[in-house]
Every structure is written in structure tokens, then in C-alpha cells.
N, C-alpha and C. Protein backbone atom coordinates (compact mmCIF):
# COMPACT_ATOMS: atom_id res chain seq x y z
N MET A 1 0.81 -1.19 0.00
CA MET A 1 0.00 0.00 0.00
C MET A 1 0.87 1.26 0.00
N ARG A 2 1.79 1.32 0.86
CA ARG A 2 2.60 2.51 0.97
C ARG A 2 3.37 2.77 -0.32
N ARG A 3 3.87 1.75 -0.94
CA ARG A 3 4.64 1.89 -2.16
C ARG A 3 3.79 2.49 -3.29
N SER A 4 2.53 2.13 -3.42
CA SER A 4 1.68 2.66 -4.48
C SER A 4 1.38 4.14 -4.25
N LYS A 5 1.28 4.58 -3.01
CA LYS A 5 1.06 5.99 -2.73
C LYS A 5 2.27 6.81 -3.17
N ILE A 6 3.45 6.30 -2.93
CA ILE A 6 4.67 7.01 -3.33
C ILE A 6 4.73 7.09 -4.85
N ARG A 7 4.43 5.98 -5.56
CA ARG A 7 4.43 6.00 -7.02
C ARG A 7 3.40 6.99 -7.55
N ALA A 8 2.22 7.02 -6.94
CA ALA A 8 1.19 7.95 -7.38
C ALA A 8 1.67 9.38 -7.19
N GLY A 9 2.31 9.66 -6.07
CA GLY A 9 2.83 11.01 -5.82
C GLY A 9 3.92 11.38 -6.80
N VAL A 10 4.82 10.45 -7.11
CA VAL A 10 5.89 10.69 -8.08
C VAL A 10 5.29 10.90 -9.47
N THR A 11 4.28 10.10 -9.82
CA THR A 11 3.63 10.24 -11.12
C THR A 11 2.98 11.61 -11.27
N VAL A 12 2.27 12.07 -10.25
CA VAL A 12 1.63 13.38 -10.28
C VAL A 12 2.69 14.48 -10.41
N ALA A 13 3.79 14.34 -9.68
CA ALA A 13 4.86 15.33 -9.74
C ALA A 13 5.48 15.36 -11.14
N CYS A 14 5.69 14.20 -11.77
CA CYS A 14 6.26 14.13 -13.12
C CYS A 14 5.32 14.75 -14.15
N ILE A 15 4.04 14.51 -14.01
CA ILE A 15 3.06 15.11 -14.94
C ILE A 15 3.06 16.62 -14.77
N ALA A 16 3.10 17.11 -13.53
CA ALA A 16 3.12 18.55 -13.28
C ALA A 16 4.36 19.18 -13.90
N VAL A 17 5.52 18.56 -13.74
CA VAL A 17 6.76 19.07 -14.34
C VAL A 17 6.65 19.07 -15.86
N ALA A 18 6.11 18.00 -16.43
CA ALA A 18 5.97 17.91 -17.89
C ALA A 18 5.04 18.99 -18.43
N LEU A 19 3.96 19.30 -17.72
CA LEU A 19 3.03 20.33 -18.16
C LEU A 19 3.62 21.73 -18.04
N LEU A 20 4.42 21.97 -17.03
CA LEU A 20 5.02 23.28 -16.84
C LEU A 20 6.28 23.49 -17.67
N ALA A 21 6.92 22.44 -18.11
CA ALA A 21 8.18 22.55 -18.85
C ALA A 21 8.06 23.37 -20.14
N PRO A 22 7.03 23.19 -20.98
CA PRO A 22 6.95 24.01 -22.20
C PRO A 22 6.88 25.51 -21.89
N GLN A 23 6.14 25.89 -20.83
CA GLN A 23 6.05 27.29 -20.46
C GLN A 23 7.42 27.79 -20.00
N ALA A 24 8.11 27.04 -19.21
CA ALA A 24 9.43 27.44 -18.74
C ALA A 24 10.40 27.53 -19.90
N ASN A 25 10.34 26.55 -20.84
CA ASN A 25 11.22 26.59 -22.00
C ASN A 25 10.94 27.80 -22.86
N ALA A 26 9.68 28.16 -23.08
CA ALA A 26 9.33 29.33 -23.88
C ALA A 26 9.87 30.59 -23.22
N ALA A 27 9.77 30.66 -21.90
CA ALA A 27 10.20 31.86 -21.19
C ALA A 27 11.71 32.01 -21.18
N THR A 28 12.45 30.93 -21.30
CA THR A 28 13.90 31.01 -21.23
C THR A 28 14.57 30.77 -22.59
N ALA A 29 13.78 30.58 -23.66
CA ALA A 29 14.35 30.32 -24.98
C ALA A 29 15.14 31.53 -25.46
N ARG A 30 16.19 31.28 -26.24
CA ARG A 30 17.01 32.34 -26.79
C ARG A 30 16.17 33.17 -27.76
N VAL A 31 16.31 34.48 -27.67
CA VAL A 31 15.58 35.39 -28.53
C VAL A 31 16.34 35.53 -29.86
N PRO A 32 15.64 35.41 -31.00
CA PRO A 32 16.33 35.61 -32.27
C PRO A 32 16.87 37.04 -32.37
N ASP A 33 18.03 37.19 -32.99
CA ASP A 33 18.56 38.53 -33.22
C ASP A 33 17.65 39.28 -34.17
N PRO A 34 17.53 40.60 -34.01
CA PRO A 34 16.72 41.36 -34.97
C PRO A 34 17.36 41.27 -36.36
N THR A 35 16.53 41.32 -37.37
CA THR A 35 17.04 41.23 -38.74
C THR A 35 16.83 42.55 -39.46
N LEU A 36 17.67 42.80 -40.44
CA LEU A 36 17.58 43.99 -41.27
C LEU A 36 18.10 43.66 -42.65
N THR A 37 17.28 43.92 -43.67
CA THR A 37 17.67 43.72 -45.06
C THR A 37 17.42 45.03 -45.80
N ILE A 38 18.44 45.52 -46.49
CA ILE A 38 18.31 46.73 -47.30
C ILE A 38 18.81 46.39 -48.70
N ALA A 39 17.96 46.63 -49.70
CA ALA A 39 18.33 46.32 -51.08
C ALA A 39 17.87 47.45 -52.00
N THR A 40 18.77 47.94 -52.83
CA THR A 40 18.44 48.96 -53.82
C THR A 40 18.65 48.37 -55.20
N SER A 41 17.70 48.62 -56.08
CA SER A 41 17.81 48.09 -57.44
C SER A 41 17.49 49.17 -58.46
N VAL A 42 18.02 48.96 -59.67
CA VAL A 42 17.74 49.82 -60.82
C VAL A 42 17.30 48.90 -61.95
N GLY A 43 16.12 49.13 -62.48
CA GLY A 43 15.62 48.29 -63.57
C GLY A 43 15.58 46.81 -63.22
N GLY A 44 15.32 46.49 -61.97
CA GLY A 44 15.24 45.11 -61.54
C GLY A 44 16.58 44.48 -61.18
N GLN A 45 17.68 45.19 -61.39
CA GLN A 45 19.01 44.68 -61.06
C GLN A 45 19.46 45.25 -59.72
N ARG A 46 19.77 44.34 -58.80
CA ARG A 46 20.19 44.77 -57.47
C ARG A 46 21.58 45.39 -57.52
N LEU A 47 21.73 46.55 -56.86
CA LEU A 47 23.03 47.21 -56.76
C LEU A 47 23.85 46.56 -55.65
N PRO A 48 25.17 46.55 -55.79
CA PRO A 48 26.01 45.92 -54.76
C PRO A 48 26.00 46.69 -53.44
N VAL A 49 25.71 47.99 -53.49
CA VAL A 49 25.67 48.83 -52.29
C VAL A 49 24.43 49.69 -52.36
N SER A 50 23.81 49.90 -51.21
CA SER A 50 22.62 50.75 -51.14
C SER A 50 22.98 52.11 -50.57
N PRO A 51 22.36 53.19 -51.08
CA PRO A 51 22.59 54.51 -50.49
C PRO A 51 21.88 54.69 -49.14
N ILE A 52 21.03 53.73 -48.77
CA ILE A 52 20.40 53.72 -47.45
C ILE A 52 21.14 52.70 -46.59
N SER A 53 21.54 53.09 -45.39
CA SER A 53 22.23 52.15 -44.50
C SER A 53 21.50 52.14 -43.16
N GLY A 54 21.76 51.11 -42.38
CA GLY A 54 21.10 51.02 -41.09
C GLY A 54 21.69 49.94 -40.21
N ALA A 55 21.28 49.96 -38.96
CA ALA A 55 21.77 48.96 -38.01
C ALA A 55 20.84 48.93 -36.79
N TRP A 56 20.79 47.76 -36.16
CA TRP A 56 20.10 47.59 -34.88
C TRP A 56 21.10 47.86 -33.76
N LYS A 57 20.65 48.52 -32.72
CA LYS A 57 21.43 48.67 -31.49
C LYS A 57 20.58 48.07 -30.38
N THR A 58 21.11 47.06 -29.72
CA THR A 58 20.35 46.37 -28.68
C THR A 58 20.89 46.75 -27.32
N LYS A 59 20.01 47.31 -26.52
CA LYS A 59 20.37 47.67 -25.14
C LYS A 59 20.20 46.44 -24.25
N SER A 60 19.12 45.68 -24.46
CA SER A 60 18.86 44.46 -23.72
C SER A 60 18.16 43.49 -24.67
N ALA A 61 18.80 42.37 -24.97
CA ALA A 61 18.29 41.42 -25.97
C ALA A 61 16.84 41.03 -25.69
N GLY A 62 15.99 41.21 -26.70
CA GLY A 62 14.60 40.84 -26.58
C GLY A 62 13.75 41.76 -25.72
N ARG A 63 14.34 42.87 -25.25
CA ARG A 63 13.59 43.78 -24.38
C ARG A 63 13.67 45.23 -24.81
N ASP A 64 14.81 45.67 -25.35
CA ASP A 64 15.00 47.09 -25.65
C ASP A 64 15.98 47.23 -26.81
N SER A 65 15.47 47.60 -27.99
CA SER A 65 16.31 47.74 -29.18
C SER A 65 15.89 48.96 -29.98
N THR A 66 16.86 49.49 -30.73
CA THR A 66 16.61 50.64 -31.59
C THR A 66 17.16 50.36 -32.98
N LEU A 67 16.33 50.61 -33.99
CA LEU A 67 16.74 50.49 -35.39
C LEU A 67 16.94 51.90 -35.93
N SER A 68 18.09 52.15 -36.55
CA SER A 68 18.37 53.45 -37.18
C SER A 68 18.66 53.23 -38.64
N LEU A 69 17.99 54.00 -39.50
CA LEU A 69 18.20 53.96 -40.95
C LEU A 69 18.43 55.38 -41.42
N SER A 70 19.32 55.55 -42.40
CA SER A 70 19.50 56.88 -42.99
C SER A 70 20.16 56.74 -44.35
N GLY A 71 20.00 57.78 -45.15
CA GLY A 71 20.63 57.81 -46.46
C GLY A 71 19.77 58.54 -47.46
N TYR A 72 20.05 58.27 -48.73
CA TYR A 72 19.38 58.97 -49.82
C TYR A 72 18.73 57.97 -50.76
N ALA A 73 17.54 58.31 -51.19
CA ALA A 73 16.87 57.55 -52.24
C ALA A 73 16.91 58.40 -53.50
N VAL A 74 16.99 57.74 -54.65
CA VAL A 74 17.14 58.45 -55.92
C VAL A 74 16.07 57.98 -56.89
N THR A 75 15.45 58.95 -57.59
CA THR A 75 14.46 58.62 -58.61
C THR A 75 15.10 57.68 -59.63
N GLY A 76 14.36 56.66 -60.01
CA GLY A 76 14.87 55.66 -60.94
C GLY A 76 15.38 54.42 -60.23
N THR A 77 15.52 54.52 -58.90
CA THR A 77 15.92 53.35 -58.11
C THR A 77 14.75 52.95 -57.23
N LYS A 78 14.85 51.76 -56.69
CA LYS A 78 13.86 51.27 -55.71
C LYS A 78 14.65 50.71 -54.54
N THR A 79 14.41 51.24 -53.36
CA THR A 79 15.08 50.75 -52.16
C THR A 79 14.05 50.10 -51.25
N ASP A 80 14.27 48.83 -50.92
CA ASP A 80 13.40 48.07 -50.02
C ASP A 80 14.14 47.80 -48.72
N VAL A 81 13.49 48.10 -47.62
CA VAL A 81 14.04 47.85 -46.29
C VAL A 81 13.04 46.96 -45.55
N THR A 82 13.53 45.87 -44.96
CA THR A 82 12.70 45.00 -44.14
C THR A 82 13.44 44.74 -42.82
N ALA A 83 12.75 44.95 -41.71
CA ALA A 83 13.33 44.71 -40.39
C ALA A 83 12.32 43.94 -39.54
N VAL A 84 12.81 42.97 -38.78
CA VAL A 84 11.95 42.17 -37.89
C VAL A 84 12.64 42.06 -36.54
N TRP A 85 11.86 42.26 -35.48
CA TRP A 85 12.36 42.19 -34.11
C TRP A 85 11.43 41.31 -33.28
N TYR A 86 12.01 40.45 -32.43
CA TYR A 86 11.24 39.60 -31.52
C TYR A 86 11.65 39.93 -30.08
N SER A 87 10.65 39.91 -29.20
CA SER A 87 10.95 40.09 -27.78
C SER A 87 11.22 38.73 -27.14
N SER A 88 11.74 38.79 -25.95
CA SER A 88 11.80 37.58 -25.13
C SER A 88 10.39 37.34 -24.60
N TRP A 89 10.16 36.16 -24.05
CA TRP A 89 8.87 35.89 -23.41
C TRP A 89 8.86 36.64 -22.10
N ARG A 90 7.81 37.46 -21.90
CA ARG A 90 7.69 38.29 -20.71
C ARG A 90 6.28 38.18 -20.17
N THR A 91 6.13 38.38 -18.87
CA THR A 91 4.80 38.43 -18.29
C THR A 91 4.33 39.87 -18.29
N ALA A 92 3.27 40.13 -19.03
CA ALA A 92 2.66 41.46 -19.04
C ALA A 92 1.85 41.60 -17.77
N LYS A 93 2.13 42.64 -17.04
CA LYS A 93 1.42 42.86 -15.78
C LYS A 93 0.09 43.58 -16.04
N ARG A 94 -0.90 43.23 -15.29
CA ARG A 94 -2.26 43.76 -15.44
C ARG A 94 -2.26 45.29 -15.40
N HIS A 95 -2.85 45.91 -16.42
CA HIS A 95 -3.04 47.36 -16.54
C HIS A 95 -1.74 48.16 -16.56
N LYS A 96 -0.62 47.52 -16.82
CA LYS A 96 0.67 48.21 -16.93
C LYS A 96 1.09 48.18 -18.40
N THR A 97 1.88 49.17 -18.82
CA THR A 97 2.38 49.17 -20.19
C THR A 97 3.27 47.95 -20.39
N ALA A 98 2.90 47.12 -21.35
CA ALA A 98 3.65 45.89 -21.63
C ALA A 98 4.61 46.08 -22.79
N PHE A 99 4.29 47.03 -23.69
CA PHE A 99 5.01 47.17 -24.94
C PHE A 99 4.95 48.63 -25.38
N GLN A 100 6.06 49.13 -25.93
CA GLN A 100 6.04 50.48 -26.49
C GLN A 100 6.87 50.50 -27.77
N PHE A 101 6.33 51.15 -28.80
CA PHE A 101 6.98 51.28 -30.10
C PHE A 101 6.95 52.75 -30.49
N ASP A 102 8.11 53.35 -30.70
CA ASP A 102 8.21 54.74 -31.14
C ASP A 102 8.92 54.76 -32.48
N LEU A 103 8.33 55.43 -33.46
CA LEU A 103 8.91 55.55 -34.79
C LEU A 103 9.03 57.02 -35.13
N ASN A 104 10.25 57.46 -35.44
CA ASN A 104 10.51 58.84 -35.81
C ASN A 104 11.00 58.85 -37.25
N VAL A 105 10.29 59.56 -38.12
CA VAL A 105 10.59 59.58 -39.55
C VAL A 105 10.89 61.01 -39.97
N ASN A 106 12.01 61.20 -40.67
CA ASN A 106 12.35 62.47 -41.29
C ASN A 106 12.55 62.20 -42.77
N HIS A 107 11.72 62.81 -43.61
CA HIS A 107 11.77 62.57 -45.05
C HIS A 107 11.90 63.93 -45.73
N GLY A 108 13.06 64.19 -46.32
CA GLY A 108 13.29 65.45 -47.02
C GLY A 108 13.29 65.19 -48.51
N MET A 109 12.25 65.62 -49.21
CA MET A 109 12.15 65.37 -50.64
C MET A 109 12.85 66.48 -51.41
N TYR A 110 13.68 66.11 -52.38
CA TYR A 110 14.39 67.08 -53.21
C TYR A 110 13.68 67.31 -54.53
N LEU A 111 13.16 66.26 -55.11
CA LEU A 111 12.42 66.35 -56.37
C LEU A 111 11.16 65.52 -56.25
N PRO A 112 10.05 65.98 -56.84
CA PRO A 112 8.85 65.14 -56.80
C PRO A 112 9.14 63.78 -57.42
N GLY A 113 8.67 62.74 -56.79
CA GLY A 113 8.94 61.39 -57.27
C GLY A 113 7.66 60.61 -57.47
N SER A 114 7.79 59.34 -57.43
CA SER A 114 6.67 58.44 -57.63
C SER A 114 5.74 58.46 -56.41
N PRO A 115 4.43 58.33 -56.64
CA PRO A 115 3.51 58.27 -55.49
C PRO A 115 3.46 56.88 -54.86
N ASN A 116 4.36 56.00 -55.21
CA ASN A 116 4.30 54.62 -54.72
C ASN A 116 5.18 54.35 -53.51
N ASN A 117 5.74 55.40 -52.89
CA ASN A 117 6.51 55.18 -51.67
C ASN A 117 5.59 54.61 -50.60
N THR A 118 6.03 53.58 -49.91
CA THR A 118 5.19 52.97 -48.88
C THR A 118 6.00 52.68 -47.63
N TRP A 119 5.35 52.69 -46.52
CA TRP A 119 5.94 52.16 -45.29
C TRP A 119 4.85 51.41 -44.54
N TYR A 120 5.28 50.39 -43.84
CA TYR A 120 4.37 49.46 -43.19
C TYR A 120 5.01 49.01 -41.90
N PHE A 121 4.25 48.98 -40.85
CA PHE A 121 4.74 48.31 -39.64
C PHE A 121 3.59 47.58 -38.98
N GLU A 122 3.94 46.49 -38.32
CA GLU A 122 2.95 45.68 -37.63
C GLU A 122 3.53 45.26 -36.29
N GLU A 123 2.75 45.46 -35.25
CA GLU A 123 3.11 44.95 -33.93
C GLU A 123 2.17 43.80 -33.63
N ALA A 124 2.72 42.69 -33.23
CA ALA A 124 1.90 41.51 -32.95
C ALA A 124 2.38 40.84 -31.67
N TRP A 125 1.47 40.16 -30.99
CA TRP A 125 1.82 39.43 -29.77
C TRP A 125 1.20 38.04 -29.85
N ARG A 126 1.79 37.15 -29.07
CA ARG A 126 1.21 35.81 -28.93
C ARG A 126 1.37 35.36 -27.48
N GLY A 127 0.41 34.55 -27.06
CA GLY A 127 0.45 33.98 -25.71
C GLY A 127 1.03 32.58 -25.76
N LYS A 128 0.85 31.85 -24.66
CA LYS A 128 1.38 30.49 -24.56
C LYS A 128 0.80 29.57 -25.62
N THR A 129 -0.44 29.80 -25.97
CA THR A 129 -1.08 28.99 -27.00
C THR A 129 -1.66 29.92 -28.06
N GLY A 130 -1.78 29.43 -29.25
CA GLY A 130 -2.38 30.24 -30.31
C GLY A 130 -1.34 30.96 -31.14
N GLY A 131 -1.85 31.67 -32.14
CA GLY A 131 -0.97 32.36 -33.09
C GLY A 131 -0.77 33.82 -32.74
N TRP A 132 -0.24 34.54 -33.71
CA TRP A 132 0.06 35.96 -33.55
C TRP A 132 -1.21 36.79 -33.69
N HIS A 133 -1.32 37.85 -32.87
CA HIS A 133 -2.44 38.79 -32.90
C HIS A 133 -1.88 40.18 -33.17
N ALA A 134 -2.20 40.75 -34.33
CA ALA A 134 -1.72 42.09 -34.67
C ALA A 134 -2.51 43.13 -33.89
N ILE A 135 -1.80 44.09 -33.31
CA ILE A 135 -2.50 45.18 -32.63
C ILE A 135 -2.44 46.46 -33.45
N SER A 136 -1.56 46.52 -34.43
CA SER A 136 -1.47 47.72 -35.25
C SER A 136 -0.76 47.37 -36.54
N ASP A 137 -1.27 47.88 -37.63
CA ASP A 137 -0.48 47.82 -38.85
C ASP A 137 -0.82 49.04 -39.68
N THR A 138 0.14 49.51 -40.43
CA THR A 138 -0.03 50.69 -41.24
C THR A 138 0.58 50.41 -42.60
N ASP A 139 -0.14 50.74 -43.62
CA ASP A 139 0.38 50.64 -44.97
C ASP A 139 0.03 51.97 -45.62
N THR A 140 1.01 52.82 -45.74
CA THR A 140 0.76 54.18 -46.18
C THR A 140 1.46 54.45 -47.50
N ASP A 141 0.71 54.89 -48.49
CA ASP A 141 1.30 55.45 -49.70
C ASP A 141 1.43 56.94 -49.43
N TYR A 142 2.61 57.47 -49.64
CA TYR A 142 2.73 58.90 -49.41
C TYR A 142 3.36 59.58 -50.61
N PHE A 143 2.87 60.74 -50.91
CA PHE A 143 3.39 61.58 -51.96
C PHE A 143 3.33 62.99 -51.41
N TRP A 144 4.45 63.52 -51.06
CA TRP A 144 4.48 64.81 -50.39
C TRP A 144 5.10 65.86 -51.31
N LEU A 145 4.72 67.08 -51.11
CA LEU A 145 5.27 68.17 -51.90
C LEU A 145 6.74 68.37 -51.56
N LEU A 146 7.42 69.10 -52.42
CA LEU A 146 8.83 69.44 -52.20
C LEU A 146 8.97 69.99 -50.78
N GLY A 147 9.93 69.52 -50.04
CA GLY A 147 10.12 69.97 -48.67
C GLY A 147 10.03 68.83 -47.68
N GLY A 148 9.26 67.80 -48.02
CA GLY A 148 9.23 66.62 -47.17
C GLY A 148 8.32 66.74 -45.97
N TYR A 149 8.58 65.90 -44.97
CA TYR A 149 7.74 65.87 -43.78
C TYR A 149 8.51 65.22 -42.64
N ARG A 150 7.93 65.31 -41.45
CA ARG A 150 8.46 64.65 -40.26
C ARG A 150 7.27 64.02 -39.56
N GLU A 151 7.44 62.81 -39.08
CA GLU A 151 6.34 62.12 -38.42
C GLU A 151 6.86 61.34 -37.23
N LEU A 152 6.05 61.30 -36.17
CA LEU A 152 6.36 60.51 -34.99
C LEU A 152 5.15 59.64 -34.70
N VAL A 153 5.38 58.34 -34.62
CA VAL A 153 4.33 57.38 -34.32
C VAL A 153 4.69 56.73 -32.99
N THR A 154 3.74 56.67 -32.06
CA THR A 154 3.96 56.00 -30.78
C THR A 154 2.80 55.06 -30.52
N ASP A 155 3.10 53.81 -30.25
CA ASP A 155 2.09 52.82 -29.87
C ASP A 155 2.49 52.21 -28.54
N GLN A 156 1.48 51.99 -27.69
CA GLN A 156 1.68 51.31 -26.41
C GLN A 156 0.58 50.28 -26.26
N ALA A 157 0.86 49.24 -25.50
CA ALA A 157 -0.16 48.22 -25.23
C ALA A 157 -0.12 47.84 -23.76
N SER A 158 -1.33 47.64 -23.22
CA SER A 158 -1.48 47.08 -21.87
C SER A 158 -2.66 46.12 -21.93
N PHE A 159 -2.78 45.28 -20.91
CA PHE A 159 -3.78 44.21 -20.94
C PHE A 159 -4.58 44.17 -19.65
N GLU A 160 -5.78 43.59 -19.74
CA GLU A 160 -6.69 43.49 -18.60
C GLU A 160 -6.22 42.49 -17.55
N LYS A 161 -5.43 41.49 -17.99
CA LYS A 161 -4.95 40.50 -17.02
C LYS A 161 -3.49 40.20 -17.30
N SER A 162 -2.79 39.74 -16.28
CA SER A 162 -1.39 39.36 -16.44
C SER A 162 -1.31 38.11 -17.30
N GLN A 163 -0.33 38.07 -18.20
CA GLN A 163 -0.16 36.90 -19.05
C GLN A 163 1.24 36.85 -19.64
N LEU A 164 1.70 35.63 -19.88
CA LEU A 164 2.99 35.41 -20.51
C LEU A 164 2.83 35.64 -22.01
N MET A 165 3.72 36.45 -22.61
CA MET A 165 3.58 36.76 -24.03
C MET A 165 4.92 37.09 -24.67
N GLN A 166 4.91 37.04 -26.00
CA GLN A 166 6.06 37.42 -26.81
C GLN A 166 5.57 38.42 -27.86
N TRP A 167 6.43 39.37 -28.23
CA TRP A 167 6.10 40.39 -29.22
C TRP A 167 6.93 40.22 -30.48
N ARG A 168 6.35 40.65 -31.60
CA ARG A 168 7.08 40.69 -32.88
C ARG A 168 6.73 42.02 -33.55
N VAL A 169 7.75 42.72 -34.04
CA VAL A 169 7.54 43.94 -34.81
C VAL A 169 8.14 43.74 -36.18
N THR A 170 7.35 44.02 -37.21
CA THR A 170 7.80 43.92 -38.60
C THR A 170 7.67 45.30 -39.23
N MET A 171 8.75 45.77 -39.87
CA MET A 171 8.74 47.07 -40.54
C MET A 171 9.20 46.89 -41.98
N ARG A 172 8.50 47.56 -42.91
CA ARG A 172 8.90 47.54 -44.31
C ARG A 172 8.83 48.96 -44.86
N LEU A 173 9.80 49.30 -45.66
CA LEU A 173 9.88 50.62 -46.26
C LEU A 173 10.28 50.44 -47.72
N ARG A 174 9.61 51.16 -48.63
CA ARG A 174 9.98 51.15 -50.05
C ARG A 174 10.04 52.59 -50.54
N LEU A 175 11.21 52.99 -51.05
CA LEU A 175 11.42 54.36 -51.52
C LEU A 175 11.72 54.38 -53.01
N PHE A 176 11.09 55.33 -53.72
CA PHE A 176 11.31 55.52 -55.15
C PHE A 176 11.81 56.93 -55.48
N ASP A 177 11.52 57.90 -54.64
CA ASP A 177 11.75 59.29 -55.02
C ASP A 177 13.14 59.77 -54.62
N THR A 178 13.49 60.98 -55.04
CA THR A 178 14.77 61.58 -54.68
C THR A 178 14.58 62.29 -53.34
N SER A 179 15.19 61.74 -52.30
CA SER A 179 14.96 62.26 -50.96
C SER A 179 16.07 61.86 -50.02
N SER A 180 16.15 62.57 -48.91
CA SER A 180 17.00 62.13 -47.80
C SER A 180 16.06 61.55 -46.76
N ASP A 181 16.46 60.45 -46.18
CA ASP A 181 15.58 59.75 -45.25
C ASP A 181 16.30 59.36 -43.97
N SER A 182 15.59 59.49 -42.88
CA SER A 182 16.10 59.06 -41.58
C SER A 182 14.94 58.43 -40.82
N TRP A 183 15.12 57.19 -40.37
CA TRP A 183 14.09 56.46 -39.63
C TRP A 183 14.73 55.93 -38.35
N THR A 184 14.06 56.15 -37.24
CA THR A 184 14.52 55.57 -35.97
C THR A 184 13.32 54.91 -35.31
N ALA A 185 13.44 53.61 -35.03
CA ALA A 185 12.39 52.86 -34.36
C ALA A 185 12.95 52.34 -33.03
N HIS A 186 12.29 52.70 -31.93
CA HIS A 186 12.70 52.23 -30.61
C HIS A 186 11.60 51.31 -30.08
N ILE A 187 11.97 50.10 -29.70
CA ILE A 187 11.02 49.09 -29.25
C ILE A 187 11.41 48.64 -27.85
N ARG A 188 10.40 48.61 -26.95
CA ARG A 188 10.66 48.14 -25.58
C ARG A 188 9.51 47.29 -25.08
N VAL A 189 9.84 46.24 -24.36
CA VAL A 189 8.85 45.48 -23.61
C VAL A 189 9.22 45.63 -22.13
N MET A 190 8.19 45.71 -21.31
CA MET A 190 8.41 45.90 -19.88
C MET A 190 8.17 44.61 -19.13
């Protein structure tokens, strides 16, 4: 009799560890490095060097990173920028800011260009189960008069209940016109 009680207790403990292990593994899994791809082409042929350059600066892996882009776009070329950032698994505290995304754009147009310039960003989160849930996305065609523009976008998220979650931010930029461009995206999870 006593031996079966011990086995039952060990079995329950093993099942509990097995059920909690995926959550612990998700919370401690290595965060992928942020990615950045910049490609400029003329007539469909990719140039070996792009006049737009950029880099990620990570203050704390999966928690606090900044993407900086700058350079010149030229009429007759097409520059595509794609950047993706993932957070570590974090517990969002009830009614507290869980995520913040700040985007600062400076676009100085020298000559009127194509109206097909676009920028897109999406912030998405996922919990322990299920897929990604987008909380914001923007797909903007812009055509501005000579002189350019400056824009600041700030997004924050908080939740009704505490929960374990991971964030993903995807940014895409396509430039066709003759302009100077500077983009800074700061992403933080709390």
C-alpha cells in the first residue's frame, strides 16, 4: 500500500513538471537577433551597395532595441528595407504598459517622385497557445510636396490581465523618389 502511494505522488509530480516545462522553456528560450535587409535596385538589377544604411542597437536582448536607418533615395531606383524584431517571453502585468513602439521619420524630398513610396509596420503578440495577434499595422502610400515631412508614431499596449507573451515587430519601407531619409524605431517590452 505505501509503495503505491509514493508511485502515485511521483507520477503526479512528473506530470506537473511535464506540463510546466513548455512554459518554462518558452520563457527562457534564446531570442532571435533582430534582422535587417536593405536592397536597392535599378531596372530590376540589385546594386552591390545601397545609399540607405542602417543597423540595430540592442540595449537588452529581446527587451530594448533601436533600429536606425538613414541615407538617400534616388528617382529611378527602388530601395526596399525590411526589419523584424522579436521580444523575449515576458509576463505582461495587469493594466501596466507591456510594450512600447516609437517611430521617428524624417523625409526630405528634393524632387517630386513616384507616389508609390510605402511604409508598413505591424506589432503583434502571442500567448502560450495560439498564433500571432496584430495590434497595429499601417500601410501608407505617401506623396508629399517638395520639402518633405516629419512624423512621430507611438504605440503602447497594456492588458486586462497578467499573461505570458512574446512580441514581434515587422517594418517595411519602399522608396522611389529623390529624398534624404532618416528612420529611428525604438522598441521596448516591460
